[in-house]
Amino acid sequence: MTPMTPRAGRPRPTRRTAAVALGAALAASFAAPARAAAGDTGTPLPPLRHAHAHNDYEHPHPLTDALAHGFDSVEADIWLVDGQLLVAHDAGRLDPRRTLEALYLDPLLRRVRANHGRVYRGHDRGLQLLIDIKTAGDPTYRALSRHLRRYHPMLTAAADGRVRRGAVTAVVSGDRGARGPMAAERVRHAFYDGRLDDLGTGVPASFVPLVSDDWGRHFTWQGVGPIPEHERAELRRITATARGEGRRVRFWATPDAPGPAREALWRELLAAGTGYLNTDDLAGLEAFLRRAVRR
């Protein structure tokens, strides 16, 4: 018979029940990351718009943490080393096990196949895979192009200016030397990340669907106090021009410390129609965007 406590009349916890309870609590606390890391193909909430995971590979579970938070864009820095595309922020942290295939392309292909052609089951929201080239752009892109061909069933592709949408759209950023060999391809499985200088030049959105730039290069406002009206006008001019050309806009190096300044800047970016908000704080941006949708 189970021993009873005199006051509460409830079973006295044993070492075994305490251990089971502790195990259950720990399992619950890690449930979402564990399911994501195991290739869970569902998501409890609709995927987000505008959510870009900057330096995504530095999170505990590259790709899967961002997908667990519903992000629609992730960023991977690549280095060409002996024919392999290694993912790292700097050369001192290169690891031959951390390839673009292992961290991103292979798990994405498995997920898309399991979800019948979609990244998020039941949702048409595609995923942008922003690939930032850290080594010389020309040879690195040529190697990347060869690697991407093997994943063509899930990738957005362009042929003779016509775009066929896939579940995953690879966009190449970083070293500008990649632009030449990309532009010369008749069939591409990647697109180019332009700069604000590309707006108004006539370059087709089928080649440059995204323009990214350094926030501090164009704006002084860091989210404290009201945004200067001339900067608000310039931001809206930029985003309106990009939308008119069929492009999305992303700024890097925006304030990313939690607090009112970051949220004020994110609100201005959303109001202006910026395509992606750039962050290292997956949970923080998810919470912000979920609140924004409810308003």
C-alpha atoms as a PDB file:
ATOM      1  CA  MET A   1       0.000   0.000   0.000  1.00  0.00           C
ATOM      2  CA  THR A   2       1.359   3.483  -0.907  1.00  0.00           C
ATOM      3  CA  PRO A   3       2.457   5.496   2.142  1.00  0.00           C
ATOM      4  CA  MET A   4       0.244   8.580   2.769  1.00  0.00           C
ATOM      5  CA  THR A   5       1.196  11.958   4.194  1.00  0.00           C
ATOM      6  CA  PRO A   6      -0.819  12.775   7.336  1.00  0.00           C
ATOM      7  CA  ARG A   7      -1.799  16.324   6.208  1.00  0.00           C
ATOM      8  CA  ALA A   8      -2.554  16.194   2.500  1.00  0.00           C
ATOM      9  CA  GLY A   9      -3.673  12.617   2.147  1.00  0.00           C
ATOM     10  CA  ARG A  10      -1.590  12.357  -1.049  1.00  0.00           C
ATOM     11  CA  PRO A  11       1.005   9.733  -1.981  1.00  0.00           C
ATOM     12  CA  ARG A  12       4.443  10.559  -0.605  1.00  0.00           C
ATOM     13  CA  PRO A  13       6.876  11.000  -3.495  1.00  0.00           C
ATOM     14  CA  THR A  14       9.432   8.223  -3.719  1.00  0.00           C
ATOM     15  CA  ARG A  15      12.891   8.498  -5.241  1.00  0.00           C
ATOM     16  CA  ARG A  16      11.583   6.736  -8.334  1.00  0.00           C
ATOM     17  CA  THR A  17       8.587   9.051  -8.820  1.00  0.00           C
ATOM     18  CA  ALA A  18      10.783  12.104  -8.231  1.00  0.00           C
ATOM     19  CA  ALA A  19      13.220  10.876 -10.845  1.00  0.00           C
ATOM     20  CA  VAL A  20      10.403  10.216 -13.311  1.00  0.00           C
ATOM     21  CA  ALA A  21       8.966  13.688 -12.691  1.00  0.00           C
ATOM     22  CA  LEU A  22      12.357  15.311 -13.169  1.00  0.00           C
ATOM     23  CA  GLY A  23      12.899  13.364 -16.390  1.00  0.00           C
ATOM     24  CA  ALA A  24       9.496  14.397 -17.691  1.00  0.00           C
ATOM     25  CA  ALA A  25      10.191  18.046 -16.910  1.00  0.00           C
ATOM     26  CA  LEU A  26      13.538  17.929 -18.650  1.00  0.00           C
ATOM     27  CA  ALA A  27      12.021  16.156 -21.644  1.00  0.00           C
ATOM     28  CA  ALA A  28       9.319  18.792 -21.890  1.00  0.00           C
ATOM     29  CA  SER A  29      11.824  21.643 -21.705  1.00  0.00           C
ATOM     30  CA  PHE A  30      13.773  20.196 -24.624  1.00  0.00           C
ATOM     31  CA  ALA A  31      10.816  18.872 -26.600  1.00  0.00           C
ATOM     32  CA  ALA A  32      10.739  21.447 -29.391  1.00  0.00           C
ATOM     33  CA  PRO A  33      14.481  21.437 -30.159  1.00  0.00           C
ATOM     34  CA  ALA A  34      14.617  17.657 -29.930  1.00  0.00           C
ATOM     35  CA  ARG A  35      11.723  17.242 -32.360  1.00  0.00           C
ATOM     36  CA  ALA A  36      13.293  19.762 -34.694  1.00  0.00           C
ATOM     37  CA  ALA A  37      16.688  18.110 -34.556  1.00  0.00           C
ATOM     38  CA  ALA A  38      15.057  14.773 -35.281  1.00  0.00           C
ATOM     39  CA  GLY A  39      13.478  16.169 -38.432  1.00  0.00           C
ATOM     40  CA  ASP A  40       9.969  16.955 -37.194  1.00  0.00           C
ATOM     41  CA  THR A  41       8.050  18.155 -40.231  1.00  0.00           C
ATOM     42  CA  GLY A  42       5.242  19.956 -38.480  1.00  0.00           C
ATOM     43  CA  THR A  43       4.998  23.343 -36.782  1.00  0.00           C
ATOM     44  CA  PRO A  44       2.478  24.338 -34.083  1.00  0.00           C
ATOM     45  CA  LEU A  45       1.978  27.852 -35.484  1.00  0.00           C
ATOM     46  CA  PRO A  46       1.964  29.211 -39.035  1.00  0.00           C
ATOM     47  CA  PRO A  47       5.425  30.067 -40.369  1.00  0.00           C
ATOM     48  CA  LEU A  48       6.469  33.688 -40.155  1.00  0.00           C
ATOM     49  CA  ARG A  49       7.021  36.306 -42.796  1.00  0.00           C
ATOM     50  CA  HIS A  50      10.014  38.664 -42.611  1.00  0.00           C
ATOM     51  CA  ALA A  51      12.099  36.477 -40.249  1.00  0.00           C
ATOM     52  CA  HIS A  52      15.779  36.129 -41.197  1.00  0.00           C
ATOM     53  CA  ALA A  53      18.150  34.112 -38.989  1.00  0.00           C
ATOM     54  CA  HIS A  54      21.495  35.911 -39.272  1.00  0.00           C
ATOM     55  CA  ASN A  55      24.490  33.550 -38.849  1.00  0.00           C
ATOM     56  CA  ASP A  56      22.014  30.743 -38.307  1.00  0.00           C
ATOM     57  CA  TYR A  57      24.760  28.096 -38.070  1.00  0.00           C
ATOM     58  CA  GLU A  58      25.887  29.513 -34.713  1.00  0.00           C
ATOM     59  CA  HIS A  59      22.700  28.349 -32.955  1.00  0.00           C
ATOM     60  CA  PRO A  60      22.782  25.037 -31.048  1.00  0.00           C
ATOM     61  CA  HIS A  61      20.821  23.275 -33.817  1.00  0.00           C
ATOM     62  CA  PRO A  62      21.559  25.002 -37.145  1.00  0.00           C
ATOM     63  CA  LEU A  63      18.497  25.276 -39.385  1.00  0.00           C
ATOM     64  CA  THR A  64      16.206  23.294 -37.108  1.00  0.00           C
ATOM     65  CA  ASP A  65      16.126  25.927 -34.362  1.00  0.00           C
ATOM     66  CA  ALA A  66      15.117  28.569 -36.918  1.00  0.00           C
ATOM     67  CA  LEU A  67      12.446  26.280 -38.382  1.00  0.00           C
ATOM     68  CA  ALA A  68      11.117  25.517 -34.895  1.00  0.00           C
ATOM     69  CA  HIS A  69      10.588  29.281 -34.510  1.00  0.00           C
ATOM     70  CA  GLY A  70       8.888  29.520 -37.918  1.00  0.00           C
ATOM     71  CA  PHE A  71      11.576  31.519 -39.755  1.00  0.00           C
ATOM     72  CA  ASP A  72      11.356  31.914 -43.521  1.00  0.00           C
ATOM     73  CA  SER A  73      15.025  32.796 -44.127  1.00  0.00           C
ATOM     74  CA  VAL A  74      18.311  31.441 -42.753  1.00  0.00           C
ATOM     75  CA  GLU A  75      21.908  32.447 -43.415  1.00  0.00           C
ATOM     76  CA  ALA A  76      24.971  30.234 -43.823  1.00  0.00           C
ATOM     77  CA  ASP A  77      28.525  31.483 -44.392  1.00  0.00           C
ATOM     78  CA  ILE A  78      30.569  29.175 -46.645  1.00  0.00           C
ATOM     79  CA  TRP A  79      34.273  28.654 -47.293  1.00  0.00           C
ATOM     80  CA  LEU A  80      35.651  26.626 -50.208  1.00  0.00           C
ATOM     81  CA  VAL A  81      38.246  24.232 -48.756  1.00  0.00           C
ATOM     82  CA  ASP A  82      39.599  21.358 -50.861  1.00  0.00           C
ATOM     83  CA  GLY A  83      36.409  21.202 -52.897  1.00  0.00           C
ATOM     84  CA  GLN A  84      34.158  21.179 -49.837  1.00  0.00           C
ATOM     85  CA  LEU A  85      31.823  23.996 -48.787  1.00  0.00           C
ATOM     86  CA  LEU A  86      32.400  24.406 -45.053  1.00  0.00           C
ATOM     87  CA  VAL A  87      30.116  26.513 -42.868  1.00  0.00           C
ATOM     88  CA  ALA A  88      31.676  28.873 -40.324  1.00  0.00           C
ATOM     89  CA  HIS A  89      31.940  32.561 -39.486  1.00  0.00           C
ATOM     90  CA  ASP A  90      35.731  32.690 -39.693  1.00  0.00           C
ATOM     91  CA  ALA A  91      38.565  30.496 -40.897  1.00  0.00           C
ATOM     92  CA  GLY A  92      39.677  29.547 -37.394  1.00  0.00           C
ATOM     93  CA  ARG A  93      36.408  27.707 -36.753  1.00  0.00           C
ATOM     94  CA  LEU A  94      36.265  25.551 -39.876  1.00  0.00           C
ATOM     95  CA  ASP A  95      35.277  21.941 -39.241  1.00  0.00           C
ATOM     96  CA  PRO A  96      35.221  19.374 -42.081  1.00  0.00           C
ATOM     97  CA  ARG A  97      32.068  17.832 -40.589  1.00  0.00           C
ATOM     98  CA  ARG A  98      30.123  21.098 -40.853  1.00  0.00           C
ATOM     99  CA  THR A  99      29.445  21.253 -44.571  1.00  0.00           C
ATOM    100  CA  LEU A 100      26.649  23.077 -46.355  1.00  0.00           C
ATOM    101  CA  GLU A 101      25.182  19.706 -47.258  1.00  0.00           C
ATOM    102  CA  ALA A 102      25.274  18.305 -43.732  1.00  0.00           C
ATOM    103  CA  LEU A 103      23.869  21.373 -41.979  1.00  0.00           C
ATOM    104  CA  TYR A 104      21.388  22.642 -44.575  1.00  0.00           C
ATOM    105  CA  LEU A 105      20.915  20.941 -47.932  1.00  0.00           C
ATOM    106  CA  ASP A 106      20.498  17.338 -46.787  1.00  0.00           C
ATOM    107  CA  PRO A 107      18.126  18.058 -43.866  1.00  0.00           C
ATOM    108  CA  LEU A 108      16.093  20.433 -46.042  1.00  0.00           C
ATOM    109  CA  LEU A 109      15.749  17.830 -48.788  1.00  0.00           C
ATOM    110  CA  ARG A 110      14.580  15.213 -46.264  1.00  0.00           C
ATOM    111  CA  ARG A 111      12.089  17.650 -44.786  1.00  0.00           C
ATOM    112  CA  VAL A 112      10.700  18.773 -48.146  1.00  0.00           C
ATOM    113  CA  ARG A 113      10.257  15.185 -49.267  1.00  0.00           C
ATOM    114  CA  ALA A 114       8.507  14.259 -46.021  1.00  0.00           C
ATOM    115  CA  ASN A 115       6.207  17.282 -46.383  1.00  0.00           C
ATOM    116  CA  HIS A 116       5.287  16.504 -49.995  1.00  0.00           C
ATOM    117  CA  GLY A 117       7.229  19.400 -51.485  1.00  0.00           C
ATOM    118  CA  ARG A 118       6.978  21.931 -48.679  1.00  0.00           C
ATOM    119  CA  VAL A 119       9.257  23.159 -45.922  1.00  0.00           C
ATOM    120  CA  TYR A 120       6.330  23.700 -43.551  1.00  0.00           C
ATOM    121  CA  ARG A 121       3.656  21.035 -43.708  1.00  0.00           C
ATOM    122  CA  GLY A 122       0.329  22.477 -44.778  1.00  0.00           C
ATOM    123  CA  HIS A 123       1.828  25.875 -45.695  1.00  0.00           C
ATOM    124  CA  ASP A 124       3.137  27.216 -48.994  1.00  0.00           C
ATOM    125  CA  ARG A 125       5.636  29.455 -47.217  1.00  0.00           C
ATOM    126  CA  GLY A 126       9.013  28.775 -48.848  1.00  0.00           C
ATOM    127  CA  LEU A 127      12.417  29.149 -47.229  1.00  0.00           C
ATOM    128  CA  GLN A 128      15.178  31.469 -48.349  1.00  0.00           C
ATOM    129  CA  LEU A 129      18.649  29.994 -47.856  1.00  0.00           C
ATOM    130  CA  LEU A 130      21.040  32.954 -47.923  1.00  0.00           C
ATOM    131  CA  ILE A 131      24.533  31.661 -48.673  1.00  0.00           C
ATOM    132  CA  ASP A 132      27.257  34.161 -47.786  1.00  0.00           C
ATOM    133  CA  ILE A 133      30.501  33.429 -49.650  1.00  0.00           C
ATOM    134  CA  LYS A 134      33.620  34.051 -47.553  1.00  0.00           C
ATOM    135  CA  THR A 135      36.303  32.814 -49.980  1.00  0.00           C
ATOM    136  CA  ALA A 136      36.952  34.128 -53.503  1.00  0.00           C
ATOM    137  CA  GLY A 137      33.564  34.488 -55.152  1.00  0.00           C
ATOM    138  CA  ASP A 138      34.250  33.093 -58.629  1.00  0.00           C
ATOM    139  CA  PRO A 139      35.647  29.643 -57.732  1.00  0.00           C
ATOM    140  CA  THR A 140      33.430  29.313 -54.659  1.00  0.00           C
ATOM    141  CA  TYR A 141      30.270  29.994 -56.622  1.00  0.00           C
ATOM    142  CA  ARG A 142      31.286  27.536 -59.357  1.00  0.00           C
ATOM    143  CA  ALA A 143      31.700  24.844 -56.691  1.00  0.00           C
ATOM    144  CA  LEU A 144      28.420  25.863 -55.050  1.00  0.00           C
ATOM    145  CA  SER A 145      26.590  25.654 -58.380  1.00  0.00           C
ATOM    146  CA  ARG A 146      27.795  22.072 -58.836  1.00  0.00           C
ATOM    147  CA  HIS A 147      26.672  21.169 -55.328  1.00  0.00           C
ATOM    148  CA  LEU A 148      23.231  22.756 -55.737  1.00  0.00           C
ATOM    149  CA  ARG A 149      22.435  20.821 -58.916  1.00  0.00           C
ATOM    150  CA  ARG A 150      22.107  17.651 -56.855  1.00  0.00           C
ATOM    151  CA  TYR A 151      19.272  19.267 -54.880  1.00  0.00           C
ATOM    152  CA  HIS A 152      17.346  20.643 -57.851  1.00  0.00           C
ATOM    153  CA  PRO A 153      14.011  18.946 -56.948  1.00  0.00           C
ATOM    154  CA  MET A 154      13.532  21.288 -53.968  1.00  0.00           C
ATOM    155  CA  LEU A 155      15.221  24.427 -55.292  1.00  0.00           C
ATOM    156  CA  THR A 156      13.821  27.454 -57.070  1.00  0.00           C
ATOM    157  CA  ALA A 157      15.494  27.645 -60.480  1.00  0.00           C
ATOM    158  CA  ALA A 158      15.855  30.165 -63.295  1.00  0.00           C
ATOM    159  CA  ALA A 159      16.279  29.301 -66.965  1.00  0.00           C
ATOM    160  CA  ASP A 160      16.458  31.948 -69.687  1.00  0.00           C
ATOM    161  CA  GLY A 161      14.918  34.504 -67.337  1.00  0.00           C
ATOM    162  CA  ARG A 162      11.978  32.294 -66.320  1.00  0.00           C
ATOM    163  CA  VAL A 163      11.675  31.294 -62.672  1.00  0.00           C
ATOM    164  CA  ARG A 164      10.331  27.945 -61.468  1.00  0.00           C
ATOM    165  CA  ARG A 165       9.449  28.146 -57.786  1.00  0.00           C
ATOM    166  CA  GLY A 166      10.681  25.505 -55.376  1.00  0.00           C
ATOM    167  CA  ALA A 167      10.347  24.970 -51.649  1.00  0.00           C
ATOM    168  CA  VAL A 168      13.816  26.456 -51.032  1.00  0.00           C
ATOM    169  CA  THR A 169      15.330  29.483 -52.751  1.00  0.00           C
ATOM    170  CA  ALA A 170      19.118  29.773 -52.549  1.00  0.00           C
ATOM    171  CA  VAL A 171      20.368  33.374 -52.674  1.00  0.00           C
ATOM    172  CA  VAL A 172      24.098  34.059 -52.911  1.00  0.00           C
ATOM    173  CA  SER A 173      25.653  36.913 -50.960  1.00  0.00           C
ATOM    174  CA  GLY A 174      29.144  37.773 -49.767  1.00  0.00           C
ATOM    175  CA  ASP A 175      32.128  38.064 -52.095  1.00  0.00           C
ATOM    176  CA  ARG A 176      31.059  40.014 -55.183  1.00  0.00           C
ATOM    177  CA  GLY A 177      33.173  37.833 -57.485  1.00  0.00           C
ATOM    178  CA  ALA A 178      30.269  35.376 -57.657  1.00  0.00           C
ATOM    179  CA  ARG A 179      28.195  37.700 -59.807  1.00  0.00           C
ATOM    180  CA  GLY A 180      30.028  37.064 -63.097  1.00  0.00           C
ATOM    181  CA  PRO A 181      29.761  33.267 -63.219  1.00  0.00           C
ATOM    182  CA  MET A 182      26.183  33.423 -61.933  1.00  0.00           C
ATOM    183  CA  ALA A 183      25.107  35.819 -64.670  1.00  0.00           C
ATOM    184  CA  ALA A 184      26.726  33.584 -67.312  1.00  0.00           C
ATOM    185  CA  GLU A 185      24.684  30.496 -66.406  1.00  0.00           C
ATOM    186  CA  ARG A 186      21.747  29.629 -68.619  1.00  0.00           C
ATOM    187  CA  VAL A 187      20.171  27.504 -65.876  1.00  0.00           C
ATOM    188  CA  ARG A 188      20.702  28.589 -62.269  1.00  0.00           C
ATOM    189  CA  HIS A 189      19.684  27.041 -58.963  1.00  0.00           C
ATOM    190  CA  ALA A 190      20.606  30.189 -57.051  1.00  0.00           C
ATOM    191  CA  PHE A 191      19.929  33.921 -57.164  1.00  0.00           C
ATOM    192  CA  TYR A 192      21.987  36.989 -56.367  1.00  0.00           C
ATOM    193  CA  ASP A 193      21.801  39.220 -53.305  1.00  0.00           C
ATOM    194  CA  GLY A 194      22.247  42.733 -54.670  1.00  0.00           C
ATOM    195  CA  ARG A 195      22.910  46.006 -52.908  1.00  0.00           C
ATOM    196  CA  LEU A 196      20.830  49.176 -52.801  1.00  0.00           C
ATOM    197  CA  ASP A 197      22.930  50.443 -55.704  1.00  0.00           C
ATOM    198  CA  ASP A 198      21.214  47.790 -57.864  1.00  0.00           C
ATOM    199  CA  LEU A 199      17.838  49.483 -57.474  1.00  0.00           C
ATOM    200  CA  GLY A 200      16.780  51.348 -60.575  1.00  0.00           C
ATOM    201  CA  THR A 201      19.448  49.779 -62.797  1.00  0.00           C
ATOM    202  CA  GLY A 202      17.138  47.449 -64.702  1.00  0.00           C
ATOM    203  CA  VAL A 203      18.785  44.230 -63.513  1.00  0.00           C
ATOM    204  CA  PRO A 204      15.952  41.658 -63.543  1.00  0.00           C
ATOM    205  CA  ALA A 205      14.409  40.369 -60.332  1.00  0.00           C
ATOM    206  CA  SER A 206      14.810  36.886 -61.817  1.00  0.00           C
ATOM    207  CA  PHE A 207      18.528  37.411 -61.114  1.00  0.00           C
ATOM    208  CA  VAL A 208      18.474  39.806 -58.114  1.00  0.00           C
ATOM    209  CA  PRO A 209      15.289  39.167 -56.075  1.00  0.00           C
ATOM    210  CA  LEU A 210      16.858  40.475 -52.852  1.00  0.00           C
ATOM    211  CA  VAL A 211      18.850  43.605 -52.035  1.00  0.00           C
ATOM    212  CA  SER A 212      20.724  43.790 -48.737  1.00  0.00           C
ATOM    213  CA  ASP A 213      22.803  46.544 -47.217  1.00  0.00           C
ATOM    214  CA  ASP A 214      24.397  47.863 -44.042  1.00  0.00           C
ATOM    215  CA  TRP A 215      21.808  49.837 -42.034  1.00  0.00           C
ATOM    216  CA  GLY A 216      24.444  52.216 -40.639  1.00  0.00           C
ATOM    217  CA  ARG A 217      25.707  53.058 -44.115  1.00  0.00           C
ATOM    218  CA  HIS A 218      22.396  54.711 -44.980  1.00  0.00           C
ATOM    219  CA  PHE A 219      20.751  55.648 -41.670  1.00  0.00           C
ATOM    220  CA  THR A 220      21.809  57.171 -38.362  1.00  0.00           C
ATOM    221  CA  TRP A 221      18.700  56.232 -36.346  1.00  0.00           C
ATOM    222  CA  GLN A 222      19.218  53.313 -33.958  1.00  0.00           C
ATOM    223  CA  GLY A 223      15.702  53.051 -32.559  1.00  0.00           C
ATOM    224  CA  VAL A 224      16.056  55.619 -29.749  1.00  0.00           C
ATOM    225  CA  GLY A 225      13.498  58.413 -29.921  1.00  0.00           C
ATOM    226  CA  PRO A 226      11.492  59.124 -33.054  1.00  0.00           C
ATOM    227  CA  ILE A 227      13.026  58.330 -36.417  1.00  0.00           C
ATOM    228  CA  PRO A 228      14.046  61.513 -38.292  1.00  0.00           C
ATOM    229  CA  GLU A 229      11.422  62.244 -40.915  1.00  0.00           C
ATOM    230  CA  HIS A 230      13.933  62.459 -43.754  1.00  0.00           C
ATOM    231  CA  GLU A 231      15.250  58.991 -42.811  1.00  0.00           C
ATOM    232  CA  ARG A 232      11.729  57.558 -42.646  1.00  0.00           C
ATOM    233  CA  ALA A 233      11.036  59.018 -46.090  1.00  0.00           C
ATOM    234  CA  GLU A 234      14.263  57.550 -47.470  1.00  0.00           C
ATOM    235  CA  LEU A 235      13.521  54.117 -45.993  1.00  0.00           C
ATOM    236  CA  ARG A 236      10.064  54.105 -47.551  1.00  0.00           C
ATOM    237  CA  ARG A 237      11.443  55.306 -50.882  1.00  0.00           C
ATOM    238  CA  ILE A 238      13.925  52.411 -50.889  1.00  0.00           C
ATOM    239  CA  THR A 239      11.359  49.753 -50.040  1.00  0.00           C
ATOM    240  CA  ALA A 240       8.768  51.140 -52.470  1.00  0.00           C
ATOM    241  CA  THR A 241      11.336  51.121 -55.275  1.00  0.00           C
ATOM    242  CA  ALA A 242      12.325  47.540 -54.438  1.00  0.00           C
ATOM    243  CA  ARG A 243       8.721  46.333 -54.345  1.00  0.00           C
ATOM    244  CA  GLY A 244       8.027  48.018 -57.662  1.00  0.00           C
ATOM    245  CA  GLU A 245      10.904  46.024 -59.163  1.00  0.00           C
ATOM    246  CA  GLY A 246       9.774  42.741 -57.571  1.00  0.00           C
ATOM    247  CA  ARG A 247      12.517  42.627 -54.944  1.00  0.00           C
ATOM    248  CA  ARG A 248      12.707  42.323 -51.178  1.00  0.00           C
ATOM    249  CA  VAL A 249      14.952  44.388 -48.894  1.00  0.00           C
ATOM    250  CA  ARG A 250      17.097  43.304 -45.946  1.00  0.00           C
ATOM    251  CA  PHE A 251      19.337  45.445 -43.745  1.00  0.00           C
ATOM    252  CA  TRP A 252      22.111  43.937 -41.691  1.00  0.00           C
ATOM    253  CA  ALA A 253      23.797  45.457 -38.593  1.00  0.00           C
ATOM    254  CA  THR A 254      20.517  46.753 -37.186  1.00  0.00           C
ATOM    255  CA  PRO A 255      20.253  47.009 -33.359  1.00  0.00           C
ATOM    256  CA  ASP A 256      19.694  43.503 -32.001  1.00  0.00           C
ATOM    257  CA  ALA A 257      19.858  43.868 -28.213  1.00  0.00           C
ATOM    258  CA  PRO A 258      16.458  43.131 -26.639  1.00  0.00           C
ATOM    259  CA  GLY A 259      14.619  46.283 -25.647  1.00  0.00           C
ATOM    260  CA  PRO A 260      12.520  49.218 -26.836  1.00  0.00           C
ATOM    261  CA  ALA A 261      15.081  50.502 -29.370  1.00  0.00           C
ATOM    262  CA  ARG A 262      15.159  47.210 -31.271  1.00  0.00           C
ATOM    263  CA  GLU A 263      11.380  46.919 -31.300  1.00  0.00           C
ATOM    264  CA  ALA A 264      10.968  50.530 -32.444  1.00  0.00           C
ATOM    265  CA  LEU A 265      13.312  49.932 -35.346  1.00  0.00           C
ATOM    266  CA  TRP A 266      11.636  46.626 -36.241  1.00  0.00           C
ATOM    267  CA  ARG A 267       8.251  48.397 -36.263  1.00  0.00           C
ATOM    268  CA  GLU A 268       9.561  51.051 -38.648  1.00  0.00           C
ATOM    269  CA  LEU A 269      11.036  48.407 -40.937  1.00  0.00           C
ATOM    270  CA  LEU A 270       7.755  46.486 -41.034  1.00  0.00           C
ATOM    271  CA  ALA A 271       5.702  49.632 -41.610  1.00  0.00           C
ATOM    272  CA  ALA A 272       7.970  50.559 -44.511  1.00  0.00           C
ATOM    273  CA  GLY A 273       7.535  47.140 -46.122  1.00  0.00           C
ATOM    274  CA  THR A 274      11.039  45.790 -45.544  1.00  0.00           C
ATOM    275  CA  GLY A 275      11.264  42.170 -46.658  1.00  0.00           C
ATOM    276  CA  TYR A 276      13.278  40.674 -43.804  1.00  0.00           C
ATOM    277  CA  LEU A 277      14.149  41.609 -40.235  1.00  0.00           C
ATOM    278  CA  ASN A 278      17.696  40.509 -39.418  1.00  0.00           C
ATOM    279  CA  THR A 279      18.366  38.906 -36.014  1.00  0.00           C
ATOM    280  CA  ASP A 280      20.441  36.490 -33.964  1.00  0.00           C
ATOM    281  CA  ASP A 281      17.592  36.282 -31.399  1.00  0.00           C
ATOM    282  CA  LEU A 282      15.200  33.685 -32.817  1.00  0.00           C
ATOM    283  CA  ALA A 283      12.762  33.678 -29.902  1.00  0.00           C
ATOM    284  CA  GLY A 284      12.763  37.472 -29.650  1.00  0.00           C
ATOM    285  CA  LEU A 285      11.890  38.055 -33.298  1.00  0.00           C
ATOM    286  CA  GLU A 286       9.297  35.300 -33.314  1.00  0.00           C
ATOM    287  CA  ALA A 287       7.540  36.845 -30.306  1.00  0.00           C
ATOM    288  CA  PHE A 288       7.645  40.287 -31.913  1.00  0.00           C
ATOM    289  CA  LEU A 289       6.204  39.101 -35.231  1.00  0.00           C
ATOM    290  CA  ARG A 290       3.500  36.977 -33.597  1.00  0.00           C
ATOM    291  CA  ARG A 291       2.381  40.051 -31.636  1.00  0.00           C
ATOM    292  CA  ALA A 292       2.507  42.193 -34.761  1.00  0.00           C
ATOM    293  CA  VAL A 293       0.217  39.765 -36.599  1.00  0.00           C
ATOM    294  CA  ARG A 294      -2.343  39.835 -33.765  1.00  0.00           C
ATOM    295  CA  ARG A 295      -2.581  43.646 -33.800  1.00  0.00           C
END
